Amino acid sequence: MASRLILHIGLQKSGTTYLQELIASGAGELADAGVVYPVAPAGKRRRRTENHEWASYGLLGPEYPWVSEQRASAEKGAWKTLERQVARTKGTVLLSAEALSVLRASAIRALLDRLAVRDVEVVVTARSLSRSLPSLWQQHVRNGRRLGFERYLDMLAEQRRMPSARIEEDVDLHLWRAFAIGRLVRRWAREVGESRVRVVTSPGRPPELLWARFAEAIGVPGFTFRSDEAERPVHTGLTAPEAVVLTSLNAALASAGWPSDRARRLREAVLTDGFQSRAERGPRIAIPEHWRSCVAAWSAEDVADLLDSGVTLIGDAADLRPEPAREDIPAPTIEEVGAACAAAVLAVNGKVTGS
């Protein structure tokens, strides 16, 4: 049985994929340093990025609003495999699953009871809401949602005004259960203790600084990987004009009654063959000007709560606050949206004609 368990619970859009790919590709080197990162056994179905989120569906499926009963049932074997790996490992085990950040207190206790490791530490990676919220919205759009960014922020504002007890208990209100970081760390601290929760702030660039902070958080300060295998392309998200086009496309596909699988394939063609190969993709997504003071107020409240929580902060609290100069980005022009639309049409035409 593992003597120490480290749970990296996200947050989403805080550099988790970079960290997971780095760790998985160098898992042997990290094990030599005393930290075991379980990976799927050879021959088993693997995620594109090796982590433990899918396995957690097998135990906690209903806790995640996006996981169907069928999907949860299909992942039960993956969970049992992971549970055995933890039980058979001596020393320290590191698990990483950003979905764990949305868990309610009862689900946290269920997870800890099943893993049955006495010494548990929790690591949270986080960045500012002004950077996270645009990334979260564009991921929704990539997944087929058709809510525009302004309406998305309206929805989040309405949810944030709800009583904290409701946010803690309503399974569908998971975004603020995760991204109100002061509440998040207090929830986990109640289960494992304040001294065992560490928050790593994400500086954005350079990514090596995020790794250095994370390495300190998991108890291997100064550790670096010898191999170059961990080099991975950085995630390429949507730009502002591309998000406008894809949001409209999602709405049109829904109105036309396209099956979800067929719509997903069309979006993938637009993303990979249309958008990502463009040399000039337009401005990135940023918080709209009249929302910036509101998001700044949310950030100030959450950072103050975090600093008052008693957990350990690794990095700089300034990384969690808005950067006004970075946010001063104009809305996309008609010409930029038109260019993105043209790229989407050409990508789809290439798939249809085979060119």
Protein backbone atom coordinates (compact mmCIF):
# COMPACT_ATOMS: atom_id res chain seq x y z
CA MET A 1 0.00 0.00 0.00
CA ALA A 2 1.19 3.49 -0.85
CA SER A 3 2.40 5.36 2.21
CA ARG A 4 1.70 8.79 0.69
CA LEU A 5 -0.83 9.94 -1.90
CA ILE A 6 -0.66 13.24 -3.77
CA LEU A 7 -3.83 14.30 -5.57
CA HIS A 8 -3.39 16.93 -8.28
CA ILE A 9 -6.99 18.11 -8.69
CA GLY A 10 -6.67 20.76 -11.40
CA LEU A 11 -7.80 23.40 -11.97
CA GLN A 12 -8.83 23.06 -15.57
CA LYS A 13 -7.00 25.48 -17.88
CA SER A 14 -4.15 25.99 -15.44
CA GLY A 15 -1.43 24.06 -17.29
CA THR A 16 -2.67 20.63 -16.27
CA THR A 17 -2.19 19.09 -19.71
CA TYR A 18 1.38 20.36 -19.91
CA LEU A 19 2.14 18.88 -16.49
CA GLN A 20 0.42 15.57 -17.21
CA GLU A 21 2.24 15.07 -20.50
CA LEU A 22 5.56 15.99 -18.89
CA ILE A 23 5.01 13.58 -15.99
CA ALA A 24 3.63 10.68 -18.06
CA SER A 25 6.48 10.81 -20.59
CA GLY A 26 9.05 10.87 -17.78
CA ALA A 27 7.21 8.63 -15.32
CA GLY A 28 10.21 6.31 -14.99
CA GLU A 29 12.55 9.15 -14.08
CA LEU A 30 10.04 10.51 -11.58
CA ALA A 31 9.65 7.05 -10.02
CA ASP A 32 13.42 6.94 -9.55
CA ALA A 33 13.04 10.18 -7.60
CA GLY A 34 10.46 8.53 -5.36
CA VAL A 35 7.13 9.57 -6.90
CA VAL A 36 5.11 6.97 -8.85
CA TYR A 37 2.68 8.19 -11.51
CA PRO A 38 0.48 5.24 -12.58
CA VAL A 39 -0.09 4.94 -16.32
CA ALA A 40 -2.47 2.67 -18.17
CA PRO A 41 -1.10 -0.87 -18.63
CA ALA A 42 0.07 -1.81 -22.12
CA GLY A 43 -2.83 -2.76 -24.33
CA LYS A 44 -5.36 -0.78 -22.32
CA ARG A 45 -7.31 2.13 -23.77
CA ARG A 46 -5.37 5.31 -23.08
CA ARG A 47 -6.24 8.97 -23.04
CA ARG A 48 -4.43 11.19 -25.49
CA THR A 49 -2.95 12.82 -22.39
CA GLU A 50 -2.21 10.22 -19.72
CA ASN A 51 -4.08 11.12 -16.53
CA HIS A 52 -6.60 9.61 -14.13
CA GLU A 53 -9.81 11.46 -14.87
CA TRP A 54 -11.48 8.71 -16.89
CA ALA A 55 -10.69 6.18 -14.17
CA SER A 56 -12.35 8.42 -11.59
CA TYR A 57 -15.57 8.25 -13.64
CA GLY A 58 -15.74 4.57 -12.74
CA LEU A 59 -16.06 5.43 -9.05
CA LEU A 60 -17.71 8.86 -9.09
CA GLY A 61 -19.62 8.95 -12.39
CA PRO A 62 -22.86 10.58 -11.11
CA GLU A 63 -20.79 13.28 -9.39
CA TYR A 64 -19.83 14.66 -12.82
CA PRO A 65 -22.79 16.18 -14.69
CA TRP A 66 -21.16 15.40 -18.04
CA VAL A 67 -20.71 11.66 -17.33
CA SER A 68 -23.59 9.35 -18.25
CA GLU A 69 -24.40 6.17 -16.33
CA GLN A 70 -23.26 4.21 -19.37
CA ARG A 71 -19.90 5.98 -19.45
CA ALA A 72 -19.43 5.54 -15.70
CA SER A 73 -20.15 1.82 -16.03
CA ALA A 74 -17.65 1.52 -18.88
CA GLU A 75 -14.90 3.03 -16.71
CA LYS A 76 -15.38 0.78 -13.67
CA GLY A 77 -12.59 -1.49 -14.86
CA ALA A 78 -10.22 1.47 -15.25
CA TRP A 79 -10.99 2.56 -11.70
CA LYS A 80 -10.37 -0.93 -10.29
CA THR A 81 -7.05 -1.07 -12.15
CA LEU A 82 -6.00 2.30 -10.73
CA GLU A 83 -7.09 1.28 -7.24
CA ARG A 84 -4.93 -1.86 -7.48
CA GLN A 85 -1.97 0.17 -8.73
CA VAL A 86 -2.21 2.47 -5.71
CA ALA A 87 -2.58 -0.50 -3.35
CA ARG A 88 0.45 -2.30 -4.79
CA THR A 89 2.77 0.71 -4.85
CA LYS A 90 5.20 1.38 -2.02
CA GLY A 91 6.08 4.95 -1.18
CA THR A 92 4.51 7.99 -2.87
CA VAL A 93 1.83 7.88 -5.57
CA LEU A 94 0.80 10.91 -7.64
CA LEU A 95 -2.64 11.00 -9.28
CA SER A 96 -3.74 13.84 -11.56
CA ALA A 97 -7.35 14.49 -12.59
CA GLU A 98 -8.61 18.04 -13.02
CA ALA A 99 -12.24 16.92 -12.67
CA LEU A 100 -11.62 16.21 -8.98
CA SER A 101 -11.85 19.96 -8.38
CA VAL A 102 -15.65 19.86 -8.85
CA LEU A 103 -16.28 17.18 -6.20
CA ARG A 104 -18.67 17.83 -3.36
CA ALA A 105 -17.54 16.97 0.16
CA SER A 106 -19.34 13.61 0.19
CA ALA A 107 -17.60 12.54 -3.02
CA ILE A 108 -14.20 13.65 -1.68
CA ARG A 109 -14.73 11.40 1.33
CA ALA A 110 -15.82 8.51 -0.90
CA LEU A 111 -12.67 8.89 -3.00
CA LEU A 112 -10.35 9.03 0.00
CA ASP A 113 -12.07 6.07 1.66
CA ARG A 114 -11.66 3.89 -1.40
CA LEU A 115 -8.01 4.77 -1.95
CA ALA A 116 -7.40 4.16 1.78
CA VAL A 117 -4.05 5.96 2.01
CA ARG A 118 -3.53 7.61 5.38
CA ASP A 119 -1.14 10.35 4.28
CA VAL A 120 -2.92 12.42 1.60
CA GLU A 121 -1.76 15.72 0.13
CA VAL A 122 -3.64 17.89 -2.35
CA VAL A 123 -2.08 20.09 -5.03
CA VAL A 124 -4.09 22.70 -6.91
CA THR A 125 -2.73 24.51 -9.95
CA ALA A 126 -4.51 27.80 -10.67
CA ARG A 127 -4.37 30.94 -12.74
CA SER A 128 -6.41 34.14 -12.88
CA LEU A 129 -10.11 34.15 -13.73
CA SER A 130 -9.43 36.70 -16.47
CA ARG A 131 -7.37 34.01 -18.23
CA SER A 132 -9.39 30.96 -17.15
CA LEU A 133 -12.90 32.10 -18.09
CA PRO A 134 -12.14 32.78 -21.80
CA SER A 135 -10.41 29.39 -21.99
CA LEU A 136 -13.34 27.65 -20.32
CA TRP A 137 -15.85 29.28 -22.66
CA GLN A 138 -13.92 28.42 -25.80
CA GLN A 139 -13.69 24.82 -24.60
CA HIS A 140 -17.48 24.78 -24.26
CA VAL A 141 -17.73 26.04 -27.84
CA ARG A 142 -15.30 23.38 -29.05
CA ASN A 143 -17.52 20.80 -27.33
CA GLY A 144 -20.58 21.93 -29.27
CA ARG A 145 -22.17 24.55 -27.01
CA ARG A 146 -23.81 27.58 -28.62
CA LEU A 147 -23.90 30.07 -25.75
CA GLY A 148 -22.08 33.30 -26.64
CA PHE A 149 -19.40 34.63 -24.28
CA GLU A 150 -21.57 37.47 -22.92
CA ARG A 151 -24.43 35.08 -22.12
CA TYR A 152 -21.94 32.63 -20.64
CA LEU A 153 -20.70 35.33 -18.25
CA ASP A 154 -24.31 36.27 -17.44
CA MET A 155 -24.92 32.63 -16.46
CA LEU A 156 -21.81 32.52 -14.27
CA ALA A 157 -22.80 35.79 -12.56
CA GLU A 158 -26.25 34.40 -11.79
CA GLN A 159 -24.73 31.21 -10.38
CA ARG A 160 -22.20 33.10 -8.29
CA ARG A 161 -24.99 35.08 -6.61
CA MET A 162 -26.53 31.85 -5.34
CA PRO A 163 -26.08 30.89 -1.67
CA SER A 164 -22.77 29.14 -1.06
CA ALA A 165 -24.60 26.16 0.48
CA ARG A 166 -26.43 25.59 -2.79
CA ILE A 167 -23.20 25.77 -4.80
CA GLU A 168 -21.70 23.19 -2.44
CA GLU A 169 -24.62 20.78 -2.84
CA ASP A 170 -26.02 21.23 -6.39
CA VAL A 171 -24.07 18.90 -8.65
CA ASP A 172 -24.71 21.12 -11.69
CA LEU A 173 -23.11 24.22 -10.11
CA HIS A 174 -19.66 22.73 -10.48
CA LEU A 175 -17.84 25.67 -12.06
CA TRP A 176 -17.86 27.87 -8.96
CA ARG A 177 -17.26 24.82 -6.77
CA ALA A 178 -13.92 24.58 -8.55
CA PHE A 179 -12.99 28.12 -9.60
CA ALA A 180 -13.92 29.96 -6.41
CA ILE A 181 -10.51 28.85 -5.21
CA GLY A 182 -10.87 29.89 -1.58
CA ARG A 183 -13.94 27.66 -1.21
CA LEU A 184 -12.17 24.87 -3.09
CA VAL A 185 -9.14 24.70 -0.82
CA ARG A 186 -11.26 24.98 2.33
CA ARG A 187 -13.42 22.06 1.16
CA TRP A 188 -10.40 19.82 0.69
CA ALA A 189 -8.63 21.13 3.80
CA ARG A 190 -11.57 20.00 5.90
CA GLU A 191 -10.87 16.44 4.74
CA VAL A 192 -7.04 16.31 4.69
CA GLY A 193 -5.93 19.29 6.81
CA GLU A 194 -4.77 22.82 5.87
CA SER A 195 -1.09 21.91 6.00
CA ARG A 196 -1.63 19.24 3.34
CA VAL A 197 -3.14 21.51 0.69
CA ARG A 198 -0.84 23.46 -1.64
CA VAL A 199 -1.80 25.91 -4.36
CA VAL A 200 0.62 26.37 -7.26
CA THR A 201 0.07 29.55 -9.25
CA SER A 202 0.47 29.30 -13.01
CA PRO A 203 2.57 32.10 -14.50
CA GLY A 204 1.58 31.28 -18.08
CA ARG A 205 5.09 31.70 -19.44
CA PRO A 206 7.60 30.17 -19.22
CA PRO A 207 6.01 26.73 -18.67
CA GLU A 208 9.22 25.55 -17.01
CA LEU A 209 8.44 27.84 -14.08
CA LEU A 210 5.10 26.09 -13.60
CA TRP A 211 6.91 22.75 -13.52
CA ALA A 212 9.47 24.04 -11.02
CA ARG A 213 6.69 25.18 -8.70
CA PHE A 214 4.78 21.92 -9.15
CA ALA A 215 7.92 19.87 -8.44
CA GLU A 216 8.31 21.74 -5.17
CA ALA A 217 4.66 21.07 -4.32
CA ILE A 218 4.99 17.30 -4.80
CA GLY A 219 8.18 17.09 -2.77
CA VAL A 220 10.90 16.90 -5.44
CA PRO A 221 12.17 20.51 -5.58
CA GLY A 222 14.70 21.11 -8.31
CA PHE A 223 13.80 17.87 -10.12
CA THR A 224 14.05 18.08 -13.92
CA PHE A 225 13.56 15.43 -16.58
CA ARG A 226 16.65 14.26 -18.43
CA SER A 227 14.92 13.19 -21.65
CA ASP A 228 13.45 15.40 -24.36
CA GLU A 229 10.44 13.13 -24.76
CA ALA A 230 8.28 15.47 -22.72
CA GLU A 231 8.35 18.19 -25.36
CA ARG A 232 4.78 18.57 -26.59
CA PRO A 233 3.04 21.17 -28.72
CA VAL A 234 1.22 23.77 -26.66
CA HIS A 235 -2.58 23.54 -26.78
CA THR A 236 -3.96 25.67 -29.61
CA GLY A 237 -7.24 27.24 -28.57
CA LEU A 238 -9.78 29.24 -30.52
CA THR A 239 -9.22 32.89 -31.27
CA ALA A 240 -12.05 35.39 -30.83
CA PRO A 241 -13.24 35.43 -34.48
CA GLU A 242 -12.99 31.63 -34.69
CA ALA A 243 -15.11 31.28 -31.56
CA VAL A 244 -17.79 33.51 -33.09
CA VAL A 245 -17.90 31.30 -36.20
CA LEU A 246 -17.94 28.05 -34.24
CA THR A 247 -20.67 29.27 -31.87
CA SER A 248 -22.87 30.12 -34.86
CA LEU A 249 -22.04 26.79 -36.49
CA ASN A 250 -23.03 24.91 -33.33
CA ALA A 251 -26.37 26.73 -33.25
CA ALA A 252 -27.01 25.92 -36.91
CA LEU A 253 -26.12 22.25 -36.44
CA ALA A 254 -28.48 22.00 -33.46
CA SER A 255 -31.31 23.67 -35.38
CA ALA A 256 -30.76 21.32 -38.31
CA GLY A 257 -30.90 18.31 -35.99
CA TRP A 258 -27.44 16.94 -36.81
CA PRO A 259 -26.50 13.81 -34.80
CA SER A 260 -23.87 14.63 -32.15
CA ASP A 261 -21.17 12.36 -33.64
CA ARG A 262 -21.57 13.84 -37.11
CA ALA A 263 -21.53 17.39 -35.72
CA ARG A 264 -18.40 16.59 -33.71
CA ARG A 265 -16.59 15.34 -36.81
CA LEU A 266 -17.51 18.50 -38.69
CA ARG A 267 -16.21 20.69 -35.85
CA GLU A 268 -12.96 18.73 -35.75
CA ALA A 269 -12.47 19.29 -39.48
CA VAL A 270 -13.07 23.02 -39.07
CA LEU A 271 -10.71 23.22 -36.08
CA THR A 272 -7.82 21.15 -37.38
CA ASP A 273 -7.99 21.74 -41.14
CA GLY A 274 -9.48 25.20 -41.11
CA PHE A 275 -8.47 27.24 -38.10
CA GLN A 276 -5.22 25.86 -36.71
CA SER A 277 -3.27 26.07 -39.96
CA ARG A 278 -4.00 29.77 -40.52
CA ALA A 279 -1.07 32.13 -40.29
CA GLU A 280 -3.21 35.08 -39.11
CA ARG A 281 -5.90 33.85 -36.76
CA GLY A 282 -7.04 37.11 -35.21
CA PRO A 283 -7.09 38.32 -31.59
CA ARG A 284 -7.40 35.97 -28.65
CA ILE A 285 -10.52 35.80 -26.52
CA ALA A 286 -10.54 38.28 -23.66
CA ILE A 287 -13.01 39.41 -21.02
CA PRO A 288 -15.31 42.06 -22.59
CA GLU A 289 -14.55 45.56 -21.34
CA HIS A 290 -17.78 46.06 -19.37
CA TRP A 291 -17.25 42.73 -17.58
CA ARG A 292 -13.68 43.41 -16.44
CA SER A 293 -14.53 45.15 -13.16
CA CYS A 294 -16.92 42.35 -12.24
CA VAL A 295 -14.37 39.62 -12.95
CA ALA A 296 -11.73 41.63 -11.06
CA ALA A 297 -14.07 41.77 -8.05
CA TRP A 298 -14.61 38.00 -8.22
CA SER A 299 -10.84 37.49 -8.35
CA ALA A 300 -10.19 39.82 -5.41
CA GLU A 301 -12.78 38.01 -3.30
CA ASP A 302 -11.41 34.57 -4.16
CA VAL A 303 -7.73 35.46 -3.69
CA ALA A 304 -8.46 37.06 -0.31
CA ASP A 305 -10.33 33.92 0.74
CA LEU A 306 -7.43 31.76 -0.44
CA LEU A 307 -4.81 33.80 1.44
CA ASP A 308 -6.93 33.60 4.57
CA SER A 309 -7.48 29.84 4.31
CA GLY A 310 -4.19 28.73 5.88
CA VAL A 311 -3.11 26.53 2.96
CA THR A 312 0.35 26.83 1.38
CA LEU A 313 0.83 29.06 -1.66
CA ILE A 314 3.69 28.22 -4.03
CA GLY A 315 4.26 30.98 -6.54
CA ASP A 316 2.92 34.52 -6.64
CA ALA A 317 -0.62 35.56 -5.69
CA ALA A 318 -0.34 38.20 -8.43
CA ASP A 319 -0.64 35.34 -10.95
CA LEU A 320 -4.23 34.94 -9.77
CA ARG A 321 -5.19 38.57 -10.30
CA PRO A 322 -6.26 40.24 -13.58
CA GLU A 323 -3.67 41.92 -15.76
CA PRO A 324 -5.33 45.05 -17.23
CA ALA A 325 -2.75 45.51 -19.97
CA ARG A 326 -3.19 41.91 -21.11
CA GLU A 327 -6.99 42.26 -21.23
CA ASP A 328 -7.12 45.39 -23.40
CA ILE A 329 -7.94 43.57 -26.63
CA PRO A 330 -10.52 44.85 -29.14
CA ALA A 331 -13.45 42.71 -30.23
CA PRO A 332 -12.92 40.87 -33.52
CA THR A 333 -13.76 42.82 -36.67
CA ILE A 334 -16.24 41.74 -39.33
CA GLU A 335 -13.29 41.08 -41.63
CA GLU A 336 -11.61 38.79 -39.08
CA VAL A 337 -14.81 36.84 -38.52
CA GLY A 338 -15.31 36.58 -42.28
CA ALA A 339 -11.78 35.25 -42.76
CA ALA A 340 -12.37 32.59 -40.10
CA CYS A 341 -15.65 31.65 -41.74
CA ALA A 342 -13.96 31.32 -45.12
CA ALA A 343 -11.29 29.06 -43.59
CA ALA A 344 -14.04 26.88 -42.11
CA VAL A 345 -15.81 26.56 -45.47
CA LEU A 346 -12.59 25.64 -47.25
CA ALA A 347 -11.80 23.01 -44.61
CA VAL A 348 -15.20 21.37 -44.96
CA ASN A 349 -15.00 21.53 -48.73
CA GLY A 350 -11.63 19.80 -48.58
CA LYS A 351 -13.15 16.96 -46.56
CA VAL A 352 -16.08 16.63 -48.96
CA THR A 353 -14.02 16.71 -52.16
CA GLY A 354 -11.05 14.82 -50.73
CA SER A 355 -8.62 17.54 -51.78
